[in-house]
PDB file of N, CA and C in Angstrom:
ATOM      1  N   MET A   1      47.052-199.510 -28.308  1.00  0.00           N
ATOM      2  CA  MET A   1      47.931-198.506 -27.659  1.00  0.00           C
ATOM      3  C   MET A   1      48.337-197.641 -28.832  1.00  0.00           C
ATOM      4  N   ALA A   2      48.146-197.755 -30.120  1.00  0.00           N
ATOM      5  CA  ALA A   2      48.581-196.808 -31.022  1.00  0.00           C
ATOM      6  C   ALA A   2      47.733-195.779 -30.980  1.00  0.00           C
ATOM      7  N   PRO A   3      46.238-195.736 -30.786  1.00  0.00           N
ATOM      8  CA  PRO A   3      45.279-194.652 -30.852  1.00  0.00           C
ATOM      9  C   PRO A   3      45.909-193.771 -29.522  1.00  0.00           C
ATOM     10  N   ASP A   4      46.018-194.403 -28.592  1.00  0.00           N
ATOM     11  CA  ASP A   4      46.482-193.732 -27.474  1.00  0.00           C
ATOM     12  C   ASP A   4      47.682-192.752 -27.809  1.00  0.00           C
ATOM     13  N   LYS A   5      48.689-193.140 -28.492  1.00  0.00           N
ATOM     14  CA  LYS A   5      49.829-192.274 -29.005  1.00  0.00           C
ATOM     15  C   LYS A   5      49.637-191.179 -29.824  1.00  0.00           C
ATOM     16  N   LYS A   6      48.594-191.505 -30.668  1.00  0.00           N
ATOM     17  CA  LYS A   6      48.227-190.364 -31.628  1.00  0.00           C
ATOM     18  C   LYS A   6      47.274-189.433 -30.743  1.00  0.00           C
ATOM     19  N   LEU A   7      46.575-189.824 -29.802  1.00  0.00           N
ATOM     20  CA  LEU A   7      45.786-188.766 -28.911  1.00  0.00           C
ATOM     21  C   LEU A   7      46.753-188.156 -28.552  1.00  0.00           C
ATOM     22  N   VAL A   8      47.738-188.670 -27.805  1.00  0.00           N
ATOM     23  CA  VAL A   8      48.896-187.775 -26.911  1.00  0.00           C
ATOM     24  C   VAL A   8      49.445-186.984 -27.861  1.00  0.00           C
ATOM     25  N   CYS A   9      49.794-187.307 -29.184  1.00  0.00           N
ATOM     26  CA  CYS A   9      50.411-186.519 -30.160  1.00  0.00           C
ATOM     27  C   CYS A   9      49.854-185.290 -30.385  1.00  0.00           C
ATOM     28  N   GLU A  10      48.342-185.439 -30.604  1.00  0.00           N
ATOM     29  CA  GLU A  10      47.497-184.483 -31.078  1.00  0.00           C
ATOM     30  C   GLU A  10      47.466-183.382 -29.855  1.00  0.00           C
ATOM     31  N   GLN A  11      47.249-183.903 -28.455  1.00  0.00           N
ATOM     32  CA  GLN A  11      47.273-182.960 -27.534  1.00  0.00           C
ATOM     33  C   GLN A  11      48.549-182.221 -27.357  1.00  0.00           C
ATOM     34  N   GLN A  12      49.667-182.971 -27.603  1.00  0.00           N
ATOM     35  CA  GLN A  12      51.080-182.086 -27.439  1.00  0.00           C
ATOM     36  C   GLN A  12      50.900-180.787 -28.543  1.00  0.00           C
ATOM     37  N   SER A  13      50.699-181.377 -29.827  1.00  0.00           N
ATOM     38  CA  SER A  13      50.675-180.510 -30.815  1.00  0.00           C
ATOM     39  C   SER A  13      49.675-179.152 -30.460  1.00  0.00           C
ATOM     40  N   LEU A  14      48.554-179.614 -30.058  1.00  0.00           N
ATOM     41  CA  LEU A  14      47.478-178.334 -29.783  1.00  0.00           C
ATOM     42  C   LEU A  14      48.238-177.784 -28.390  1.00  0.00           C
ATOM     43  N   PHE A  15      48.609-178.004 -27.787  1.00  0.00           N
ATOM     44  CA  PHE A  15      49.320-177.387 -26.751  1.00  0.00           C
ATOM     45  C   PHE A  15      50.366-176.545 -27.028  1.00  0.00           C
ATOM     46  N   SER A  16      51.150-176.958 -27.901  1.00  0.00           N
ATOM     47  CA  SER A  16      52.211-176.364 -28.406  1.00  0.00           C
ATOM     48  C   SER A  16      51.823-175.054 -29.290  1.00  0.00           C
ATOM     49  N   GLN A  17      50.628-175.336 -30.097  1.00  0.00           N
ATOM     50  CA  GLN A  17      49.957-174.083 -30.525  1.00  0.00           C
ATOM     51  C   GLN A  17      49.384-173.147 -29.759  1.00  0.00           C
ATOM     52  N   ILE A  18      48.783-173.714 -28.717  1.00  0.00           N
ATOM     53  CA  ILE A  18      48.479-172.553 -27.812  1.00  0.00           C
ATOM     54  C   ILE A  18      49.619-171.735 -27.332  1.00  0.00           C
ATOM     55  N   ILE A  19      50.479-172.278 -26.873  1.00  0.00           N
ATOM     56  CA  ILE A  19      51.716-171.791 -26.466  1.00  0.00           C
ATOM     57  C   ILE A  19      52.279-170.898 -27.337  1.00  0.00           C
ATOM     58  N   LEU A  20      52.397-171.063 -28.410  1.00  0.00           N
ATOM     59  CA  LEU A  20      53.141-170.300 -29.678  1.00  0.00           C
ATOM     60  C   LEU A  20      52.206-168.836 -29.878  1.00  0.00           C
ATOM     61  N   VAL A  21      50.835-168.962 -29.652  1.00  0.00           N
ATOM     62  CA  VAL A  21      49.863-168.199 -29.827  1.00  0.00           C
ATOM     63  C   VAL A  21      49.814-167.301 -28.799  1.00  0.00           C
ATOM     64  N   GLY A  22      49.946-167.880 -27.458  1.00  0.00           N
ATOM     65  CA  GLY A  22      50.527-166.963 -26.195  1.00  0.00           C
ATOM     66  C   GLY A  22      51.489-165.958 -26.171  1.00  0.00           C
ATOM     67  N   VAL A  23      52.658-166.757 -26.862  1.00  0.00           N
ATOM     68  CA  VAL A  23      53.932-166.174 -26.964  1.00  0.00           C
ATOM     69  C   VAL A  23      53.830-164.833 -28.080  1.00  0.00           C
ATOM     70  N   PHE A  24      52.933-165.387 -29.078  1.00  0.00           N
ATOM     71  CA  PHE A  24      52.695-164.118 -30.071  1.00  0.00           C
ATOM     72  C   PHE A  24      51.908-162.995 -29.630  1.00  0.00           C
ATOM     73  N   ILE A  25      50.899-163.178 -28.766  1.00  0.00           N
ATOM     74  CA  ILE A  25      50.337-162.233 -28.103  1.00  0.00           C
ATOM     75  C   ILE A  25      51.090-161.299 -27.206  1.00  0.00           C
ATOM     76  N   ILE A  26      51.761-161.980 -26.192  1.00  0.00           N
ATOM     77  CA  ILE A  26      52.909-161.387 -25.300  1.00  0.00           C
ATOM     78  C   ILE A  26      53.715-160.458 -26.235  1.00  0.00           C
ATOM     79  N   GLN A  27      54.329-160.891 -27.197  1.00  0.00           N
ATOM     80  CA  GLN A  27      55.333-160.199 -27.858  1.00  0.00           C
ATOM     81  C   GLN A  27      54.701-158.930 -28.667  1.00  0.00           C
ATOM     82  N   SER A  28      53.558-159.121 -29.203  1.00  0.00           N
ATOM     83  CA  SER A  28      52.905-158.247 -29.846  1.00  0.00           C
ATOM     84  C   SER A  28      52.569-157.108 -28.671  1.00  0.00           C
ATOM     85  N   SER A  29      52.090-157.403 -27.773  1.00  0.00           N
ATOM     86  CA  SER A  29      51.935-156.607 -26.582  1.00  0.00           C
ATOM     87  C   SER A  29      52.987-155.680 -26.160  1.00  0.00           C
ATOM     88  N   LEU A  30      54.193-156.227 -25.961  1.00  0.00           N
ATOM     89  CA  LEU A  30      55.275-155.622 -25.637  1.00  0.00           C
ATOM     90  C   LEU A  30      55.916-154.716 -26.605  1.00  0.00           C
ATOM     91  N   ILE A  31      55.707-155.134 -28.080  1.00  0.00           N
ATOM     92  CA  ILE A  31      56.150-153.955 -29.103  1.00  0.00           C
ATOM     93  C   ILE A  31      55.102-152.816 -29.064  1.00  0.00           C
ATOM     94  N   ILE A  32      53.885-152.990 -28.731  1.00  0.00           N
ATOM     95  CA  ILE A  32      52.849-151.875 -28.449  1.00  0.00           C
ATOM     96  C   ILE A  32      53.586-150.937 -27.609  1.00  0.00           C
ATOM     97  N   LEU A  33      53.797-151.626 -26.454  1.00  0.00           N
ATOM     98  CA  LEU A  33      54.046-150.730 -25.193  1.00  0.00           C
ATOM     99  C   LEU A  33      55.140-149.951 -25.393  1.00  0.00           C
ATOM    100  N   VAL A  34      56.438-150.642 -26.115  1.00  0.00           N
ATOM    101  CA  VAL A  34      57.676-149.860 -26.382  1.00  0.00           C
ATOM    102  C   VAL A  34      57.340-148.811 -27.370  1.00  0.00           C
ATOM    103  N   LEU A  35      56.488-149.067 -28.341  1.00  0.00           N
ATOM    104  CA  LEU A  35      56.236-148.004 -29.238  1.00  0.00           C
ATOM    105  C   LEU A  35      55.560-146.827 -28.472  1.00  0.00           C
ATOM    106  N   PHE A  36      54.708-147.226 -27.776  1.00  0.00           N
ATOM    107  CA  PHE A  36      53.871-146.372 -26.896  1.00  0.00           C
ATOM    108  C   PHE A  36      54.780-145.376 -26.051  1.00  0.00           C
ATOM    109  N   PHE A  37      55.829-145.980 -25.065  1.00  0.00           N
ATOM    110  CA  PHE A  37      56.581-145.377 -24.188  1.00  0.00           C
ATOM    111  C   PHE A  37      57.635-144.644 -25.156  1.00  0.00           C
ATOM    112  N   HIS A  38      57.953-144.864 -26.146  1.00  0.00           N
ATOM    113  CA  HIS A  38      59.064-144.124 -27.197  1.00  0.00           C
ATOM    114  C   HIS A  38      58.292-142.810 -27.387  1.00  0.00           C
ATOM    115  N   HIS A  39      56.966-142.951 -27.893  1.00  0.00           N
ATOM    116  CA  HIS A  39      56.261-141.496 -28.179  1.00  0.00           C
ATOM    117  C   HIS A  39      56.064-140.911 -26.851  1.00  0.00           C
ATOM    118  N   TRP A  40      55.639-141.430 -25.831  1.00  0.00           N
ATOM    119  CA  TRP A  40      55.380-140.765 -24.616  1.00  0.00           C
ATOM    120  C   TRP A  40      56.658-139.935 -24.240  1.00  0.00           C
ATOM    121  N   GLN A  41      57.886-140.927 -24.132  1.00  0.00           N
ATOM    122  CA  GLN A  41      59.147-140.067 -24.017  1.00  0.00           C
ATOM    123  C   GLN A  41      59.380-138.866 -24.910  1.00  0.00           C
ATOM    124  N   GLN A  42      59.004-138.927 -25.976  1.00  0.00           N
ATOM    125  CA  GLN A  42      59.543-137.785 -26.804  1.00  0.00           C
ATOM    126  C   GLN A  42      58.513-136.646 -26.587  1.00  0.00           C
ATOM    127  N   LYS A  43      57.264-136.882 -26.250  1.00  0.00           N
ATOM    128  CA  LYS A  43      56.536-135.609 -25.770  1.00  0.00           C
ATOM    129  C   LYS A  43      56.935-135.090 -24.417  1.00  0.00           C
ATOM    130  N   LEU A  44      57.386-135.826 -23.474  1.00  0.00           N
ATOM    131  CA  LEU A  44      57.731-135.459 -22.439  1.00  0.00           C
ATOM    132  C   LEU A  44      59.295-134.823 -22.664  1.00  0.00           C
ATOM    133  N   ARG A  45      59.979-135.159 -23.391  1.00  0.00           N
ATOM    134  CA  ARG A  45      61.347-134.537 -23.628  1.00  0.00           C
ATOM    135  C   ARG A  45      60.971-132.960 -24.334  1.00  0.00           C
ATOM    136  N   VAL A  46      60.016-132.806 -25.090  1.00  0.00           N
ATOM    137  CA  VAL A  46      59.490-131.574 -25.690  1.00  0.00           C
ATOM    138  C   VAL A  46      59.079-130.518 -24.611  1.00  0.00           C
ATOM    139  N   LEU A  47      58.209-131.164 -23.758  1.00  0.00           N
ATOM    140  CA  LEU A  47      57.689-130.386 -22.731  1.00  0.00           C
ATOM    141  C   LEU A  47      58.547-130.042 -21.753  1.00  0.00           C
ATOM    142  N   GLY A  48      59.527-131.040 -21.392  1.00  0.00           N
ATOM    143  CA  GLY A  48      60.793-130.309 -20.380  1.00  0.00           C
ATOM    144  C   GLY A  48      61.491-129.555 -20.976  1.00  0.00           C
ATOM    145  N   ASP A  49      61.951-129.619 -22.299  1.00  0.00           N
ATOM    146  CA  ASP A  49      62.630-128.619 -23.043  1.00  0.00           C
ATOM    147  C   ASP A  49      62.001-127.236 -22.711  1.00  0.00           C
ATOM    148  N   GLN A  50      60.727-127.073 -22.972  1.00  0.00           N
ATOM    149  CA  GLN A  50      59.866-125.826 -23.047  1.00  0.00           C
ATOM    150  C   GLN A  50      59.880-125.596 -21.385  1.00  0.00           C
ATOM    151  N   LEU A  51      59.907-126.402 -20.678  1.00  0.00           N
ATOM    152  CA  LEU A  51      59.813-125.876 -18.953  1.00  0.00           C
ATOM    153  C   LEU A  51      61.172-125.517 -18.699  1.00  0.00           C
ATOM    154  N   VAL A  52      62.297-125.880 -19.195  1.00  0.00           N
ATOM    155  CA  VAL A  52      63.521-125.458 -18.949  1.00  0.00           C
ATOM    156  C   VAL A  52      63.848-124.180 -19.758  1.00  0.00           C
ATOM    157  N   PHE A  53      63.308-123.876 -20.864  1.00  0.00           N
ATOM    158  CA  PHE A  53      63.566-122.674 -21.549  1.00  0.00           C
ATOM    159  C   PHE A  53      62.786-121.474 -20.689  1.00  0.00           C
ATOM    160  N   THR A  54      61.676-121.918 -20.372  1.00  0.00           N
ATOM    161  CA  THR A  54      61.234-120.898 -19.506  1.00  0.00           C
ATOM    162  C   THR A  54      61.524-120.538 -18.418  1.00  0.00           C
ATOM    163  N   MET A  55      62.276-121.590 -17.659  1.00  0.00           N
ATOM    164  CA  MET A  55      62.800-121.225 -16.525  1.00  0.00           C
ATOM    165  C   MET A  55      64.210-120.144 -16.793  1.00  0.00           C
ATOM    166  N   ILE A  56      64.859-120.559 -17.955  1.00  0.00           N
ATOM    167  CA  ILE A  56      65.865-119.525 -18.411  1.00  0.00           C
ATOM    168  C   ILE A  56      65.368-118.390 -18.504  1.00  0.00           C
ATOM    169  N   LYS A  57      64.332-118.180 -19.354  1.00  0.00           N
ATOM    170  CA  LYS A  57      63.822-116.792 -19.757  1.00  0.00           C
ATOM    171  C   LYS A  57      63.251-116.063 -18.175  1.00  0.00           C
ATOM    172  N   LEU A  58      62.915-116.916 -17.461  1.00  0.00           N
ATOM    173  CA  LEU A  58      62.436-116.329 -16.111  1.00  0.00           C
ATOM    174  C   LEU A  58      63.871-115.582 -15.216  1.00  0.00           C
ATOM    175  N   ARG A  59      64.730-116.285 -15.364  1.00  0.00           N
ATOM    176  CA  ARG A  59      66.292-115.740 -14.697  1.00  0.00           C
ATOM    177  C   ARG A  59      66.591-115.060 -15.581  1.00  0.00           C
ATOM    178  N   ILE A  60      66.694-114.769 -16.603  1.00  0.00           N
ATOM    179  CA  ILE A  60      67.342-113.821 -17.671  1.00  0.00           C
ATOM    180  C   ILE A  60      66.461-112.457 -17.452  1.00  0.00           C
ATOM    181  N   SER A  61      65.286-112.487 -17.555  1.00  0.00           N
ATOM    182  CA  SER A  61      64.428-111.352 -17.595  1.00  0.00           C
ATOM    183  C   SER A  61      64.295-110.710 -16.089  1.00  0.00           C
ATOM    184  N   PHE A  62      64.345-111.644 -15.116  1.00  0.00           N
ATOM    185  CA  PHE A  62      64.447-111.219 -13.738  1.00  0.00           C
ATOM    186  C   PHE A  62      65.769-110.580 -13.390  1.00  0.00           C
ATOM    187  N   ALA A  63      66.971-111.004 -13.852  1.00  0.00           N
ATOM    188  CA  ALA A  63      68.091-110.281 -13.444  1.00  0.00           C
ATOM    189  C   ALA A  63      68.332-109.095 -14.218  1.00  0.00           C
ATOM    190  N   SER A  64      67.413-108.746 -15.550  1.00  0.00           N
ATOM    191  CA  SER A  64      67.752-107.424 -16.244  1.00  0.00           C
ATOM    192  C   SER A  64      66.952-106.456 -15.862  1.00  0.00           C
ATOM    193  N   THR A  65      66.090-106.699 -14.978  1.00  0.00           N
ATOM    194  CA  THR A  65      65.229-105.533 -14.672  1.00  0.00           C
ATOM    195  C   THR A  65      65.501-104.810 -13.432  1.00  0.00           C
ATOM    196  N   PRO A  66      64.976-103.624 -13.379  1.00  0.00           N
ATOM    197  CA  PRO A  66      65.309-102.778 -12.244  1.00  0.00           C
ATOM    198  C   PRO A  66      64.785-103.353 -11.073  1.00  0.00           C
ATOM    199  N   ILE A  67      65.223-102.848 -10.041  1.00  0.00           N
ATOM    200  CA  ILE A  67      64.655-103.650  -8.326  1.00  0.00           C
ATOM    201  C   ILE A  67      63.295-103.173  -8.239  1.00  0.00           C
ATOM    202  N   THR A  68      62.785-101.951  -8.612  1.00  0.00           N
ATOM    203  CA  THR A  68      61.425-101.361  -8.275  1.00  0.00           C
ATOM    204  C   THR A  68      60.356-102.356  -9.101  1.00  0.00           C
ATOM    205  N   PHE A  69      60.730-102.848 -10.395  1.00  0.00           N
ATOM    206  CA  PHE A  69      59.698-103.595 -11.045  1.00  0.00           C
ATOM    207  C   PHE A  69      59.960-105.118 -10.778  1.00  0.00           C
ATOM    208  N   ARG A  70      60.598-105.561 -10.234  1.00  0.00           N
ATOM    209  CA  ARG A  70      60.938-106.775  -9.942  1.00  0.00           C
ATOM    210  C   ARG A  70      59.769-107.712  -9.177  1.00  0.00           C
ATOM    211  N   THR A  71      58.999-107.461  -8.376  1.00  0.00           N
ATOM    212  CA  THR A  71      58.059-107.622  -7.900  1.00  0.00           C
ATOM    213  C   THR A  71      56.927-107.952  -8.937  1.00  0.00           C
ATOM    214  N   GLY A  72      56.402-107.236  -9.407  1.00  0.00           N
ATOM    215  CA  GLY A  72      55.264-107.267 -10.391  1.00  0.00           C
ATOM    216  C   GLY A  72      55.992-108.394 -11.427  1.00  0.00           C
ATOM    217  N   LEU A  73      56.973-108.355 -11.925  1.00  0.00           N
ATOM    218  CA  LEU A  73      57.615-109.134 -13.087  1.00  0.00           C
ATOM    219  C   LEU A  73      57.612-110.601 -12.338  1.00  0.00           C
ATOM    220  N   LEU A  74      58.154-110.445 -11.233  1.00  0.00           N
ATOM    221  CA  LEU A  74      58.401-111.770 -10.781  1.00  0.00           C
ATOM    222  C   LEU A  74      56.718-112.780 -10.534  1.00  0.00           C
ATOM    223  N   GLU A  75      55.991-111.989 -10.212  1.00  0.00           N
ATOM    224  CA  GLU A  75      54.561-112.624 -10.099  1.00  0.00           C
ATOM    225  C   GLU A  75      54.295-113.045 -11.376  1.00  0.00           C
ATOM    226  N   ASN A  76      54.311-112.415 -12.454  1.00  0.00           N
ATOM    227  CA  ASN A  76      54.099-112.673 -13.803  1.00  0.00           C
ATOM    228  C   ASN A  76      54.431-113.806 -14.186  1.00  0.00           C
ATOM    229  N   LYS A  77      55.960-113.649 -14.028  1.00  0.00           N
ATOM    230  CA  LYS A  77      56.837-114.892 -14.551  1.00  0.00           C
ATOM    231  C   LYS A  77      56.583-116.346 -13.614  1.00  0.00           C
ATOM    232  N   ILE A  78      56.283-116.065 -12.453  1.00  0.00           N
ATOM    233  CA  ILE A  78      55.870-117.285 -11.930  1.00  0.00           C
ATOM    234  C   ILE A  78      54.513-117.980 -12.222  1.00  0.00           C
ATOM    235  N   ARG A  79      53.522-117.002 -12.587  1.00  0.00           N
ATOM    236  CA  ARG A  79      52.380-117.424 -12.977  1.00  0.00           C
ATOM    237  C   ARG A  79      52.789-118.281 -14.484  1.00  0.00           C
ATOM    238  N   SER A  80      53.382-117.718 -15.413  1.00  0.00           N
ATOM    239  CA  SER A  80      53.664-118.417 -16.666  1.00  0.00           C
ATOM    240  C   SER A  80      54.360-119.641 -16.235  1.00  0.00           C
ATOM    241  N   PHE A  81      55.288-119.716 -15.451  1.00  0.00           N
ATOM    242  CA  PHE A  81      55.978-120.669 -14.998  1.00  0.00           C
ATOM    243  C   PHE A  81      55.096-121.969 -14.506  1.00  0.00           C
ATOM    244  N   GLN A  82      54.125-121.554 -13.620  1.00  0.00           N
ATOM    245  CA  GLN A  82      53.266-122.258 -13.143  1.00  0.00           C
ATOM    246  C   GLN A  82      52.391-123.056 -14.287  1.00  0.00           C
ATOM    247  N   LEU A  83      51.945-122.154 -15.124  1.00  0.00           N
ATOM    248  CA  LEU A  83      51.134-122.578 -16.227  1.00  0.00           C
ATOM    249  C   LEU A  83      52.031-123.817 -17.114  1.00  0.00           C
ATOM    250  N   CYS A  84      53.260-123.425 -17.282  1.00  0.00           N
ATOM    251  CA  CYS A  84      54.021-124.347 -18.150  1.00  0.00           C
ATOM    252  C   CYS A  84      54.038-125.687 -17.299  1.00  0.00           C
ATOM    253  N   ALA A  85      54.261-125.592 -16.161  1.00  0.00           N
ATOM    254  CA  ALA A  85      54.321-126.988 -15.249  1.00  0.00           C
ATOM    255  C   ALA A  85      53.124-127.750 -15.307  1.00  0.00           C
ATOM    256  N   VAL A  86      51.901-126.924 -15.246  1.00  0.00           N
ATOM    257  CA  VAL A  86      50.777-127.450 -15.290  1.00  0.00           C
ATOM    258  C   VAL A  86      50.243-128.428 -16.642  1.00  0.00           C
ATOM    259  N   GLN A  87      50.908-127.543 -17.608  1.00  0.00           N
ATOM    260  CA  GLN A  87      50.848-128.233 -18.964  1.00  0.00           C
ATOM    261  C   GLN A  87      51.396-129.419 -19.161  1.00  0.00           C
ATOM    262  N   LEU A  88      52.625-129.374 -18.618  1.00  0.00           N
ATOM    263  CA  LEU A  88      53.486-130.738 -18.429  1.00  0.00           C
ATOM    264  C   LEU A  88      52.903-131.643 -17.514  1.00  0.00           C
ATOM    265  N   PHE A  89      52.417-131.534 -16.688  1.00  0.00           N
ATOM    266  CA  PHE A  89      51.719-132.514 -15.663  1.00  0.00           C
ATOM    267  C   PHE A  89      50.208-132.892 -16.548  1.00  0.00           C
ATOM    268  N   SER A  90      49.602-132.246 -17.203  1.00  0.00           N
ATOM    269  CA  SER A  90      48.492-132.773 -17.786  1.00  0.00           C
ATOM    270  C   SER A  90      48.538-133.538 -19.163  1.00  0.00           C
ATOM    271  N   GLU A  91      49.866-133.157 -19.787  1.00  0.00           N
ATOM    272  CA  GLU A  91      50.314-134.056 -20.783  1.00  0.00           C
ATOM    273  C   GLU A  91      50.600-135.485 -20.175  1.00  0.00           C
ATOM    274  N   VAL A  92      51.354-135.427 -19.130  1.00  0.00           N
ATOM    275  CA  VAL A  92      51.832-136.533 -18.249  1.00  0.00           C
ATOM    276  C   VAL A  92      50.290-137.693 -17.904  1.00  0.00           C
ATOM    277  N   LEU A  93      49.649-136.829 -17.711  1.00  0.00           N
ATOM    278  CA  LEU A  93      48.031-137.761 -17.182  1.00  0.00           C
ATOM    279  C   LEU A  93      47.536-137.837 -18.652  1.00  0.00           C
ATOM    280  N   LYS A  94      47.699-137.232 -19.359  1.00  0.00           N
ATOM    281  CA  LYS A  94      46.849-137.625 -20.799  1.00  0.00           C
ATOM    282  C   LYS A  94      47.513-139.139 -21.166  1.00  0.00           C
ATOM    283  N   SER A  95      48.800-138.908 -21.127  1.00  0.00           N
ATOM    284  CA  SER A  95      49.621-140.016 -21.800  1.00  0.00           C
ATOM    285  C   SER A  95      49.368-141.330 -20.747  1.00  0.00           C
ATOM    286  N   ILE A  96      49.116-141.097 -19.810  1.00  0.00           N
ATOM    287  CA  ILE A  96      48.948-142.430 -18.750  1.00  0.00           C
ATOM    288  C   ILE A  96      47.673-142.808 -19.083  1.00  0.00           C
ATOM    289  N   GLN A  97      46.536-141.964 -19.226  1.00  0.00           N
ATOM    290  CA  GLN A  97      45.431-142.213 -19.699  1.00  0.00           C
ATOM    291  C   GLN A  97      45.189-143.292 -20.702  1.00  0.00           C
ATOM    292  N   ILE A  98      45.846-142.969 -21.724  1.00  0.00           N
ATOM    293  CA  ILE A  98      46.000-143.905 -22.853  1.00  0.00           C
ATOM    294  C   ILE A  98      46.381-145.144 -22.755  1.00  0.00           C
ATOM    295  N   VAL A  99      47.232-145.228 -21.904  1.00  0.00           N
ATOM    296  CA  VAL A  99      47.386-146.727 -21.527  1.00  0.00           C
ATOM    297  C   VAL A  99      46.349-147.574 -20.907  1.00  0.00           C
TER     298      VAL A  99
END
């Protein structure tokens, strides 16, 4: 019976080592995900600030122009706003593809 107990102890030891390796892999993966999302969040914050700044510039420049020039200016500002939004969206897609 003694060899059976030794075999059981070895199996339990092996099983506990497998569990520890699994826990280590999961913890490492979670740390990598947290670091990635922190970096992604910072990129989105910068792009969001740029988008808000563009919206504020659009509102100020539109309000300060005469009515006769507003149509052409508005079209140009809308195009620049759309480009900024497309840039934000493309950065989000690039960040998601890294995952």
